Amino acid sequence: MKCVLILAFLLAIGLMFADGVHPNGTGTEDDPYLIESLDNLLWLSTTEEAWEFGLHYLQTADIDASDTENWNDGEGFVPIGSYLDSTPFRATYDGDNYQISNLS
């Protein structure tokens, strides 16, 4: 019983500090990662391995990013990819005519 409680506690801690939600899909051209929520965008912005050449993303819904106004002590959304630290976004992102609105 004690092991179950400890495991549950560790899982809860991990979820509290998770950076977004890994999108569905495998990231290939035929089975792209499906970006359908702000949580998926958060995962993409905080997972540098997800910016690699050859990975594919497809947005599947309009995303309201109003919550980003309060992220990072008011600094907002962390950009996806960075030329400042030599880690640019090199993957393929297809917005499929969907919008991301109110991004701060």
PDB file of N, CA and C in Angstrom:
ATOM      1  N   MET A   1       0.827  -1.193   0.000  1.00  0.00           N
ATOM      2  CA  MET A   1       0.000   0.000   0.000  1.00  0.00           C
ATOM      3  C   MET A   1       0.870   1.255   0.000  1.00  0.00           C
ATOM      4  N   LYS A   2       1.941   1.229   0.787  1.00  0.00           N
ATOM      5  CA  LYS A   2       2.831   2.379   0.872  1.00  0.00           C
ATOM      6  C   LYS A   2       3.469   2.681  -0.486  1.00  0.00           C
ATOM      7  N   CYS A   3       3.863   1.631  -1.222  1.00  0.00           N
ATOM      8  CA  CYS A   3       4.476   1.814  -2.551  1.00  0.00           C
ATOM      9  C   CYS A   3       3.498   2.447  -3.526  1.00  0.00           C
ATOM     10  N   VAL A   4       2.224   2.063  -3.433  1.00  0.00           N
ATOM     11  CA  VAL A   4       1.202   2.621  -4.316  1.00  0.00           C
ATOM     12  C   VAL A   4       1.025   4.110  -4.031  1.00  0.00           C
ATOM     13  N   LEU A   5       1.004   4.484  -2.777  1.00  0.00           N
ATOM     14  CA  LEU A   5       0.860   5.892  -2.410  1.00  0.00           C
ATOM     15  C   LEU A   5       2.064   6.718  -2.876  1.00  0.00           C
ATOM     16  N   ILE A   6       3.241   6.176  -2.715  1.00  0.00           N
ATOM     17  CA  ILE A   6       4.450   6.881  -3.157  1.00  0.00           C
ATOM     18  C   ILE A   6       4.437   7.045  -4.671  1.00  0.00           C
ATOM     19  N   LEU A   7       4.061   5.981  -5.387  1.00  0.00           N
ATOM     20  CA  LEU A   7       3.991   6.051  -6.846  1.00  0.00           C
ATOM     21  C   LEU A   7       2.954   7.079  -7.298  1.00  0.00           C
ATOM     22  N   ALA A   8       1.793   7.082  -6.653  1.00  0.00           N
ATOM     23  CA  ALA A   8       0.748   8.055  -6.990  1.00  0.00           C
ATOM     24  C   ALA A   8       1.223   9.479  -6.737  1.00  0.00           C
ATOM     25  N   PHE A   9       1.941   9.681  -5.631  1.00  0.00           N
ATOM     26  CA  PHE A   9       2.476  11.000  -5.309  1.00  0.00           C
ATOM     27  C   PHE A   9       3.474  11.460  -6.373  1.00  0.00           C
ATOM     28  N   LEU A  10       4.385  10.583  -6.751  1.00  0.00           N
ATOM     29  CA  LEU A  10       5.380  10.934  -7.768  1.00  0.00           C
ATOM     30  C   LEU A  10       4.730  11.226  -9.115  1.00  0.00           C
ATOM     31  N   LEU A  11       3.709  10.472  -9.474  1.00  0.00           N
ATOM     32  CA  LEU A  11       2.987  10.718 -10.722  1.00  0.00           C
ATOM     33  C   LEU A  11       2.297  12.080 -10.675  1.00  0.00           C
ATOM     34  N   ALA A  12       1.669  12.405  -9.554  1.00  0.00           N
ATOM     35  CA  ALA A  12       1.001  13.698  -9.410  1.00  0.00           C
ATOM     36  C   ALA A  12       1.992  14.846  -9.522  1.00  0.00           C
ATOM     37  N   ILE A  13       3.161  14.706  -8.901  1.00  0.00           N
ATOM     38  CA  ILE A  13       4.196  15.744  -8.988  1.00  0.00           C
ATOM     39  C   ILE A  13       4.644  15.913 -10.438  1.00  0.00           C
ATOM     40  N   GLY A  14       4.847  14.827 -11.136  1.00  0.00           N
ATOM     41  CA  GLY A  14       5.265  14.886 -12.533  1.00  0.00           C
ATOM     42  C   GLY A  14       4.245  15.586 -13.404  1.00  0.00           C
ATOM     43  N   LEU A  15       2.972  15.317 -13.157  1.00  0.00           N
ATOM     44  CA  LEU A  15       1.927  15.959 -13.948  1.00  0.00           C
ATOM     45  C   LEU A  15       1.818  17.447 -13.629  1.00  0.00           C
ATOM     46  N   MET A  16       2.065  17.829 -12.380  1.00  0.00           N
ATOM     47  CA  MET A  16       1.997  19.243 -12.008  1.00  0.00           C
ATOM     48  C   MET A  16       3.056  20.064 -12.730  1.00  0.00           C
ATOM     49  N   PHE A  17       4.206  19.483 -12.991  1.00  0.00           N
ATOM     50  CA  PHE A  17       5.286  20.226 -13.604  1.00  0.00           C
ATOM     51  C   PHE A  17       5.500  19.866 -15.067  1.00  0.00           C
ATOM     52  N   ALA A  18       4.563  19.141 -15.646  1.00  0.00           N
ATOM     53  CA  ALA A  18       4.667  18.766 -17.055  1.00  0.00           C
ATOM     54  C   ALA A  18       4.558  20.017 -17.912  1.00  0.00           C
ATOM     55  N   ASP A  19       5.296  20.039 -18.987  1.00  0.00           N
ATOM     56  CA  ASP A  19       5.253  21.168 -19.909  1.00  0.00           C
ATOM     57  C   ASP A  19       4.363  20.820 -21.091  1.00  0.00           C
ATOM     58  N   GLY A  20       3.074  20.945 -20.898  1.00  0.00           N
ATOM     59  CA  GLY A  20       2.133  20.688 -21.959  1.00  0.00           C
ATOM     60  C   GLY A  20       1.790  19.218 -22.097  1.00  0.00           C
ATOM     61  N   VAL A  21       1.115  18.921 -23.205  1.00  0.00           N
ATOM     62  CA  VAL A  21       0.635  17.576 -23.475  1.00  0.00           C
ATOM     63  C   VAL A  21       1.186  17.116 -24.822  1.00  0.00           C
ATOM     64  N   HIS A  22       1.843  15.970 -24.804  1.00  0.00           N
ATOM     65  CA  HIS A  22       2.387  15.391 -26.041  1.00  0.00           C
ATOM     66  C   HIS A  22       1.225  15.147 -27.005  1.00  0.00           C
ATOM     67  N   PRO A  23       1.328  15.638 -28.245  1.00  0.00           N
ATOM     68  CA  PRO A  23       0.236  15.463 -29.202  1.00  0.00           C
ATOM     69  C   PRO A  23       0.156  14.029 -29.724  1.00  0.00           C
ATOM     70  N   ASN A  24      -1.017  13.676 -30.223  1.00  0.00           N
ATOM     71  CA  ASN A  24      -1.199  12.384 -30.880  1.00  0.00           C
ATOM     72  C   ASN A  24      -0.436  12.383 -32.194  1.00  0.00           C
ATOM     73  N   GLY A  25      -0.110  11.201 -32.682  1.00  0.00           N
ATOM     74  CA  GLY A  25       0.633  11.056 -33.926  1.00  0.00           C
ATOM     75  C   GLY A  25       2.064  10.641 -33.646  1.00  0.00           C
ATOM     76  N   THR A  26       2.772  10.288 -34.720  1.00  0.00           N
ATOM     77  CA  THR A  26       4.162   9.843 -34.572  1.00  0.00           C
ATOM     78  C   THR A  26       5.161  10.848 -35.116  1.00  0.00           C
ATOM     79  N   GLY A  27       4.668  11.910 -35.738  1.00  0.00           N
ATOM     80  CA  GLY A  27       5.559  12.954 -36.239  1.00  0.00           C
ATOM     81  C   GLY A  27       6.068  12.725 -37.653  1.00  0.00           C
ATOM     82  N   THR A  28       5.578  11.673 -38.307  1.00  0.00           N
ATOM     83  CA  THR A  28       5.996  11.425 -39.691  1.00  0.00           C
ATOM     84  C   THR A  28       5.117  12.224 -40.640  1.00  0.00           C
ATOM     85  N   GLU A  29       5.503  12.273 -41.898  1.00  0.00           N
ATOM     86  CA  GLU A  29       4.709  12.984 -42.894  1.00  0.00           C
ATOM     87  C   GLU A  29       3.326  12.348 -43.044  1.00  0.00           C
ATOM     88  N   ASP A  30       3.252  11.020 -42.972  1.00  0.00           N
ATOM     89  CA  ASP A  30       1.985  10.305 -43.097  1.00  0.00           C
ATOM     90  C   ASP A  30       1.168  10.276 -41.809  1.00  0.00           C
ATOM     91  N   ASP A  31       1.800  10.498 -40.674  1.00  0.00           N
ATOM     92  CA  ASP A  31       1.136  10.484 -39.372  1.00  0.00           C
ATOM     93  C   ASP A  31       1.706  11.609 -38.511  1.00  0.00           C
ATOM     94  N   PRO A  32       1.416  12.878 -38.912  1.00  0.00           N
ATOM     95  CA  PRO A  32       2.016  14.006 -38.191  1.00  0.00           C
ATOM     96  C   PRO A  32       1.500  14.112 -36.767  1.00  0.00           C
ATOM     97  N   TYR A  33       2.268  14.811 -35.933  1.00  0.00           N
ATOM     98  CA  TYR A  33       1.781  15.148 -34.602  1.00  0.00           C
ATOM     99  C   TYR A  33       0.590  16.082 -34.797  1.00  0.00           C
ATOM    100  N   LEU A  34      -0.506  15.822 -34.106  1.00  0.00           N
ATOM    101  CA  LEU A  34      -1.727  16.614 -34.247  1.00  0.00           C
ATOM    102  C   LEU A  34      -1.796  17.664 -33.145  1.00  0.00           C
ATOM    103  N   ILE A  35      -1.714  18.919 -33.563  1.00  0.00           N
ATOM    104  CA  ILE A  35      -1.775  20.043 -32.626  1.00  0.00           C
ATOM    105  C   ILE A  35      -3.221  20.512 -32.572  1.00  0.00           C
ATOM    106  N   GLU A  36      -3.873  20.178 -31.436  1.00  0.00           N
ATOM    107  CA  GLU A  36      -5.298  20.473 -31.324  1.00  0.00           C
ATOM    108  C   GLU A  36      -5.653  21.314 -30.108  1.00  0.00           C
ATOM    109  N   SER A  37      -4.634  21.679 -29.317  1.00  0.00           N
ATOM    110  CA  SER A  37      -4.928  22.436 -28.095  1.00  0.00           C
ATOM    111  C   SER A  37      -3.736  23.312 -27.699  1.00  0.00           C
ATOM    112  N   LEU A  38      -3.996  24.234 -26.803  1.00  0.00           N
ATOM    113  CA  LEU A  38      -2.937  25.079 -26.266  1.00  0.00           C
ATOM    114  C   LEU A  38      -1.923  24.237 -25.504  1.00  0.00           C
ATOM    115  N   ASP A  39      -2.375  23.178 -24.861  1.00  0.00           N
ATOM    116  CA  ASP A  39      -1.453  22.283 -24.161  1.00  0.00           C
ATOM    117  C   ASP A  39      -0.482  21.609 -25.130  1.00  0.00           C
ATOM    118  N   ASN A  40      -0.947  21.292 -26.345  1.00  0.00           N
ATOM    119  CA  ASN A  40      -0.043  20.734 -27.350  1.00  0.00           C
ATOM    120  C   ASN A  40       0.982  21.769 -27.792  1.00  0.00           C
ATOM    121  N   LEU A  41       0.568  23.029 -27.945  1.00  0.00           N
ATOM    122  CA  LEU A  41       1.511  24.092 -28.310  1.00  0.00           C
ATOM    123  C   LEU A  41       2.541  24.323 -27.210  1.00  0.00           C
ATOM    124  N   LEU A  42       2.095  24.244 -25.958  1.00  0.00           N
ATOM    125  CA  LEU A  42       3.030  24.388 -24.843  1.00  0.00           C
ATOM    126  C   LEU A  42       4.086  23.287 -24.903  1.00  0.00           C
ATOM    127  N   TRP A  43       3.657  22.053 -25.148  1.00  0.00           N
ATOM    128  CA  TRP A  43       4.608  20.947 -25.271  1.00  0.00           C
ATOM    129  C   TRP A  43       5.608  21.245 -26.386  1.00  0.00           C
ATOM    130  N   LEU A  44       5.106  21.708 -27.524  1.00  0.00           N
ATOM    131  CA  LEU A  44       5.980  21.988 -28.664  1.00  0.00           C
ATOM    132  C   LEU A  44       6.987  23.094 -28.333  1.00  0.00           C
ATOM    133  N   SER A  45       6.552  24.105 -27.594  1.00  0.00           N
ATOM    134  CA  SER A  45       7.459  25.219 -27.298  1.00  0.00           C
ATOM    135  C   SER A  45       8.500  24.865 -26.240  1.00  0.00           C
ATOM    136  N   THR A  46       8.256  23.827 -25.447  1.00  0.00           N
ATOM    137  CA  THR A  46       9.180  23.490 -24.366  1.00  0.00           C
ATOM    138  C   THR A  46       9.948  22.187 -24.600  1.00  0.00           C
ATOM    139  N   THR A  47       9.807  21.611 -25.785  1.00  0.00           N
ATOM    140  CA  THR A  47      10.454  20.335 -26.087  1.00  0.00           C
ATOM    141  C   THR A  47      11.368  20.519 -27.295  1.00  0.00           C
ATOM    142  N   GLU A  48      12.627  20.872 -27.047  1.00  0.00           N
ATOM    143  CA  GLU A  48      13.560  21.178 -28.138  1.00  0.00           C
ATOM    144  C   GLU A  48      13.739  20.015 -29.110  1.00  0.00           C
ATOM    145  N   GLU A  49      13.653  18.773 -28.622  1.00  0.00           N
ATOM    146  CA  GLU A  49      13.801  17.626 -29.524  1.00  0.00           C
ATOM    147  C   GLU A  49      12.685  17.598 -30.570  1.00  0.00           C
ATOM    148  N   ALA A  50      11.582  18.287 -30.294  1.00  0.00           N
ATOM    149  CA  ALA A  50      10.439  18.321 -31.199  1.00  0.00           C
ATOM    150  C   ALA A  50      10.641  19.303 -32.350  1.00  0.00           C
ATOM    151  N   TRP A  51      11.745  20.042 -32.335  1.00  0.00           N
ATOM    152  CA  TRP A  51      11.996  21.045 -33.377  1.00  0.00           C
ATOM    153  C   TRP A  51      12.878  20.499 -34.490  1.00  0.00           C
ATOM    154  N   GLU A  52      13.216  19.230 -34.438  1.00  0.00           N
ATOM    155  CA  GLU A  52      14.183  18.650 -35.372  1.00  0.00           C
ATOM    156  C   GLU A  52      13.648  18.526 -36.795  1.00  0.00           C
ATOM    157  N   PHE A  53      14.563  18.643 -37.727  1.00  0.00           N
ATOM    158  CA  PHE A  53      14.254  18.447 -39.141  1.00  0.00           C
ATOM    159  C   PHE A  53      13.658  17.061 -39.329  1.00  0.00           C
ATOM    160  N   GLY A  54      12.633  16.963 -40.156  1.00  0.00           N
ATOM    161  CA  GLY A  54      12.025  15.677 -40.475  1.00  0.00           C
ATOM    162  C   GLY A  54      10.763  15.379 -39.690  1.00  0.00           C
ATOM    163  N   LEU A  55      10.501  16.138 -38.626  1.00  0.00           N
ATOM    164  CA  LEU A  55       9.262  15.948 -37.883  1.00  0.00           C
ATOM    165  C   LEU A  55       8.161  16.799 -38.516  1.00  0.00           C
ATOM    166  N   HIS A  56       6.931  16.320 -38.409  1.00  0.00           N
ATOM    167  CA  HIS A  56       5.795  16.995 -39.053  1.00  0.00           C
ATOM    168  C   HIS A  56       4.673  17.223 -38.046  1.00  0.00           C
ATOM    169  N   TYR A  57       4.047  18.402 -38.151  1.00  0.00           N
ATOM    170  CA  TYR A  57       2.950  18.803 -37.274  1.00  0.00           C
ATOM    171  C   TYR A  57       1.783  19.282 -38.122  1.00  0.00           C
ATOM    172  N   LEU A  58       0.564  18.960 -37.676  1.00  0.00           N
ATOM    173  CA  LEU A  58      -0.643  19.396 -38.355  1.00  0.00           C
ATOM    174  C   LEU A  58      -1.597  19.953 -37.309  1.00  0.00           C
ATOM    175  N   GLN A  59      -1.956  21.228 -37.455  1.00  0.00           N
ATOM    176  CA  GLN A  59      -2.924  21.832 -36.543  1.00  0.00           C
ATOM    177  C   GLN A  59      -4.306  21.373 -36.961  1.00  0.00           C
ATOM    178  N   THR A  60      -5.136  20.941 -36.002  1.00  0.00           N
ATOM    179  CA  THR A  60      -6.434  20.355 -36.324  1.00  0.00           C
ATOM    180  C   THR A  60      -7.623  21.150 -35.788  1.00  0.00           C
ATOM    181  N   ALA A  61      -7.362  22.301 -35.181  1.00  0.00           N
ATOM    182  CA  ALA A  61      -8.442  23.119 -34.625  1.00  0.00           C
ATOM    183  C   ALA A  61      -7.951  24.532 -34.402  1.00  0.00           C
ATOM    184  N   ASP A  62      -8.901  25.474 -34.321  1.00  0.00           N
ATOM    185  CA  ASP A  62      -8.543  26.819 -33.879  1.00  0.00           C
ATOM    186  C   ASP A  62      -8.156  26.734 -32.410  1.00  0.00           C
ATOM    187  N   ILE A  63      -7.156  27.509 -32.012  1.00  0.00           N
ATOM    188  CA  ILE A  63      -6.671  27.471 -30.637  1.00  0.00           C
ATOM    189  C   ILE A  63      -6.718  28.873 -30.048  1.00  0.00           C
ATOM    190  N   ASP A  64      -7.440  29.015 -28.944  1.00  0.00           N
ATOM    191  CA  ASP A  64      -7.484  30.289 -28.214  1.00  0.00           C
ATOM    192  C   ASP A  64      -6.355  30.261 -27.187  1.00  0.00           C
ATOM    193  N   ALA A  65      -5.395  31.140 -27.354  1.00  0.00           N
ATOM    194  CA  ALA A  65      -4.216  31.174 -26.490  1.00  0.00           C
ATOM    195  C   ALA A  65      -4.275  32.305 -25.456  1.00  0.00           C
ATOM    196  N   SER A  66      -5.474  32.733 -25.088  1.00  0.00           N
ATOM    197  CA  SER A  66      -5.631  33.832 -24.124  1.00  0.00           C
ATOM    198  C   SER A  66      -4.895  33.583 -22.819  1.00  0.00           C
ATOM    199  N   ASP A  67      -4.848  32.333 -22.382  1.00  0.00           N
ATOM    200  CA  ASP A  67      -4.190  32.020 -21.107  1.00  0.00           C
ATOM    201  C   ASP A  67      -2.711  32.368 -21.105  1.00  0.00           C
ATOM    202  N   THR A  68      -2.095  32.471 -22.259  1.00  0.00           N
ATOM    203  CA  THR A  68      -0.653  32.733 -22.316  1.00  0.00           C
ATOM    204  C   THR A  68      -0.292  34.110 -21.759  1.00  0.00           C
ATOM    205  N   GLU A  69      -1.258  34.985 -21.642  1.00  0.00           N
ATOM    206  CA  GLU A  69      -1.017  36.319 -21.089  1.00  0.00           C
ATOM    207  C   GLU A  69      -0.409  36.242 -19.687  1.00  0.00           C
ATOM    208  N   ASN A  70      -0.756  35.204 -18.945  1.00  0.00           N
ATOM    209  CA  ASN A  70      -0.295  35.066 -17.564  1.00  0.00           C
ATOM    210  C   ASN A  70       0.874  34.097 -17.401  1.00  0.00           C
ATOM    211  N   TRP A  71       1.350  33.530 -18.459  1.00  0.00           N
ATOM    212  CA  TRP A  71       2.433  32.550 -18.389  1.00  0.00           C
ATOM    213  C   TRP A  71       3.775  33.229 -18.147  1.00  0.00           C
ATOM    214  N   ASN A  72       4.681  32.512 -17.540  1.00  0.00           N
ATOM    215  CA  ASN A  72       6.067  32.962 -17.349  1.00  0.00           C
ATOM    216  C   ASN A  72       6.154  34.346 -16.712  1.00  0.00           C
ATOM    217  N   ASP A  73       5.454  34.477 -15.603  1.00  0.00           N
ATOM    218  CA  ASP A  73       5.448  35.742 -14.859  1.00  0.00           C
ATOM    219  C   ASP A  73       5.052  36.933 -15.724  1.00  0.00           C
ATOM    220  N   GLY A  74       4.066  36.723 -16.596  1.00  0.00           N
ATOM    221  CA  GLY A  74       3.565  37.803 -17.435  1.00  0.00           C
ATOM    222  C   GLY A  74       4.323  38.003 -18.735  1.00  0.00           C
ATOM    223  N   GLU A  75       5.377  37.227 -18.963  1.00  0.00           N
ATOM    224  CA  GLU A  75       6.157  37.337 -20.204  1.00  0.00           C
ATOM    225  C   GLU A  75       5.446  36.663 -21.380  1.00  0.00           C
ATOM    226  N   GLY A  76       4.514  35.754 -21.095  1.00  0.00           N
ATOM    227  CA  GLY A  76       3.743  35.108 -22.141  1.00  0.00           C
ATOM    228  C   GLY A  76       4.366  33.815 -22.645  1.00  0.00           C
ATOM    229  N   PHE A  77       3.948  33.428 -23.815  1.00  0.00           N
ATOM    230  CA  PHE A  77       4.336  32.180 -24.465  1.00  0.00           C
ATOM    231  C   PHE A  77       5.810  32.206 -24.856  1.00  0.00           C
ATOM    232  N   VAL A  78       6.502  31.129 -24.594  1.00  0.00           N
ATOM    233  CA  VAL A  78       7.906  31.012 -25.009  1.00  0.00           C
ATOM    234  C   VAL A  78       7.918  30.619 -26.485  1.00  0.00           C
ATOM    235  N   PRO A  79       8.599  31.364 -27.339  1.00  0.00           N
ATOM    236  CA  PRO A  79       8.604  31.057 -28.775  1.00  0.00           C
ATOM    237  C   PRO A  79       9.092  29.639 -29.072  1.00  0.00           C
ATOM    238  N   ILE A  80       8.579  29.097 -30.155  1.00  0.00           N
ATOM    239  CA  ILE A  80       8.991  27.769 -30.616  1.00  0.00           C
ATOM    240  C   ILE A  80      10.232  27.947 -31.473  1.00  0.00           C
ATOM    241  N   GLY A  81      11.328  27.346 -31.037  1.00  0.00           N
ATOM    242  CA  GLY A  81      12.599  27.502 -31.746  1.00  0.00           C
ATOM    243  C   GLY A  81      13.299  28.770 -31.313  1.00  0.00           C
ATOM    244  N   SER A  82      14.617  28.735 -31.337  1.00  0.00           N
ATOM    245  CA  SER A  82      15.372  29.902 -30.918  1.00  0.00           C
ATOM    246  C   SER A  82      16.675  29.989 -31.688  1.00  0.00           C
ATOM    247  N   TYR A  83      16.894  31.111 -32.334  1.00  0.00           N
ATOM    248  CA  TYR A  83      18.167  31.333 -33.006  1.00  0.00           C
ATOM    249  C   TYR A  83      19.220  31.829 -32.021  1.00  0.00           C
ATOM    250  N   LEU A  84      18.763  32.284 -30.867  1.00  0.00           N
ATOM    251  CA  LEU A  84      19.693  32.803 -29.876  1.00  0.00           C
ATOM    252  C   LEU A  84      20.574  31.711 -29.291  1.00  0.00           C
ATOM    253  N   ASP A  85      20.020  30.514 -29.115  1.00  0.00           N
ATOM    254  CA  ASP A  85      20.822  29.435 -28.537  1.00  0.00           C
ATOM    255  C   ASP A  85      21.102  28.330 -29.560  1.00  0.00           C
ATOM    256  N   SER A  86      21.053  28.672 -30.820  1.00  0.00           N
ATOM    257  CA  SER A  86      21.380  27.753 -31.914  1.00  0.00           C
ATOM    258  C   SER A  86      20.449  26.550 -32.001  1.00  0.00           C
ATOM    259  N   THR A  87      19.204  26.699 -31.593  1.00  0.00           N
ATOM    260  CA  THR A  87      18.239  25.614 -31.691  1.00  0.00           C
ATOM    261  C   THR A  87      17.005  26.101 -32.450  1.00  0.00           C
ATOM    262  N   PRO A  88      17.109  26.311 -33.753  1.00  0.00           N
ATOM    263  CA  PRO A  88      15.953  26.783 -34.512  1.00  0.00           C
ATOM    264  C   PRO A  88      14.923  25.670 -34.717  1.00  0.00           C
ATOM    265  N   PHE A  89      13.709  26.066 -35.014  1.00  0.00           N
ATOM    266  CA  PHE A  89      12.651  25.114 -35.360  1.00  0.00           C
ATOM    267  C   PHE A  89      12.885  24.687 -36.804  1.00  0.00           C
ATOM    268  N   ARG A  90      13.141  23.411 -37.019  1.00  0.00           N
ATOM    269  CA  ARG A  90      13.430  22.901 -38.362  1.00  0.00           C
ATOM    270  C   ARG A  90      12.397  21.902 -38.848  1.00  0.00           C
ATOM    271  N   ALA A  91      11.389  21.656 -38.025  1.00  0.00           N
ATOM    272  CA  ALA A  91      10.328  20.715 -38.386  1.00  0.00           C
ATOM    273  C   ALA A  91       9.359  21.402 -39.349  1.00  0.00           C
ATOM    274  N   THR A  92       8.341  20.690 -39.782  1.00  0.00           N
ATOM    275  CA  THR A  92       7.316  21.226 -40.671  1.00  0.00           C
ATOM    276  C   THR A  92       6.020  21.392 -39.890  1.00  0.00           C
ATOM    277  N   TYR A  93       5.460  22.617 -39.905  1.00  0.00           N
ATOM    278  CA  TYR A  93       4.205  22.893 -39.205  1.00  0.00           C
ATOM    279  C   TYR A  93       3.179  23.348 -40.227  1.00  0.00           C
ATOM    280  N   ASP A  94       2.088  22.601 -40.354  1.00  0.00           N
ATOM    281  CA  ASP A  94       0.995  22.929 -41.270  1.00  0.00           C
ATOM    282  C   ASP A  94      -0.193  23.378 -40.433  1.00  0.00           C
ATOM    283  N   GLY A  95      -0.530  24.661 -40.511  1.00  0.00           N
ATOM    284  CA  GLY A  95      -1.657  25.196 -39.752  1.00  0.00           C
ATOM    285  C   GLY A  95      -2.998  24.814 -40.327  1.00  0.00           C
ATOM    286  N   ASP A  96      -3.014  24.292 -41.566  1.00  0.00           N
ATOM    287  CA  ASP A  96      -4.235  23.811 -42.224  1.00  0.00           C
ATOM    288  C   ASP A  96      -5.393  24.801 -42.135  1.00  0.00           C
ATOM    289  N   ASN A  97      -5.070  26.088 -42.262  1.00  0.00           N
ATOM    290  CA  ASN A  97      -6.045  27.180 -42.237  1.00  0.00           C
ATOM    291  C   ASN A  97      -6.745  27.383 -40.900  1.00  0.00           C
ATOM    292  N   TYR A  98      -6.225  26.780 -39.840  1.00  0.00           N
ATOM    293  CA  TYR A  98      -6.734  27.038 -38.504  1.00  0.00           C
ATOM    294  C   TYR A  98      -5.949  28.208 -37.922  1.00  0.00           C
ATOM    295  N   GLN A  99      -6.497  28.839 -36.888  1.00  0.00           N
ATOM    296  CA  GLN A  99      -5.867  30.008 -36.294  1.00  0.00           C
ATOM    297  C   GLN A  99      -5.432  29.752 -34.860  1.00  0.00           C
ATOM    298  N   ILE A 100      -4.407  30.479 -34.453  1.00  0.00           N
ATOM    299  CA  ILE A 100      -4.027  30.562 -33.053  1.00  0.00           C
ATOM    300  C   ILE A 100      -4.272  32.020 -32.684  1.00  0.00           C
ATOM    301  N   SER A 101      -5.235  32.261 -31.820  1.00  0.00           N
ATOM    302  CA  SER A 101      -5.608  33.639 -31.488  1.00  0.00           C
ATOM    303  C   SER A 101      -5.203  34.002 -30.058  1.00  0.00           C
ATOM    304  N   ASN A 102      -5.034  35.295 -29.848  1.00  0.00           N
ATOM    305  CA  ASN A 102      -4.741  35.865 -28.522  1.00  0.00           C
ATOM    306  C   ASN A 102      -3.460  35.346 -27.893  1.00  0.00           C
ATOM    307  N   LEU A 103      -2.454  35.086 -28.693  1.00  0.00           N
ATOM    308  CA  LEU A 103      -1.164  34.610 -28.184  1.00  0.00           C
ATOM    309  C   LEU A 103      -0.367  35.797 -27.655  1.00  0.00           C
ATOM    310  N   SER A 104       0.091  35.679 -26.428  1.00  0.00           N
ATOM    311  CA  SER A 104       0.898  36.747 -25.824  1.00  0.00           C
ATOM    312  C   SER A 104       2.325  36.297 -25.706  1.00  0.00           C
TER     313      SER A 104
END
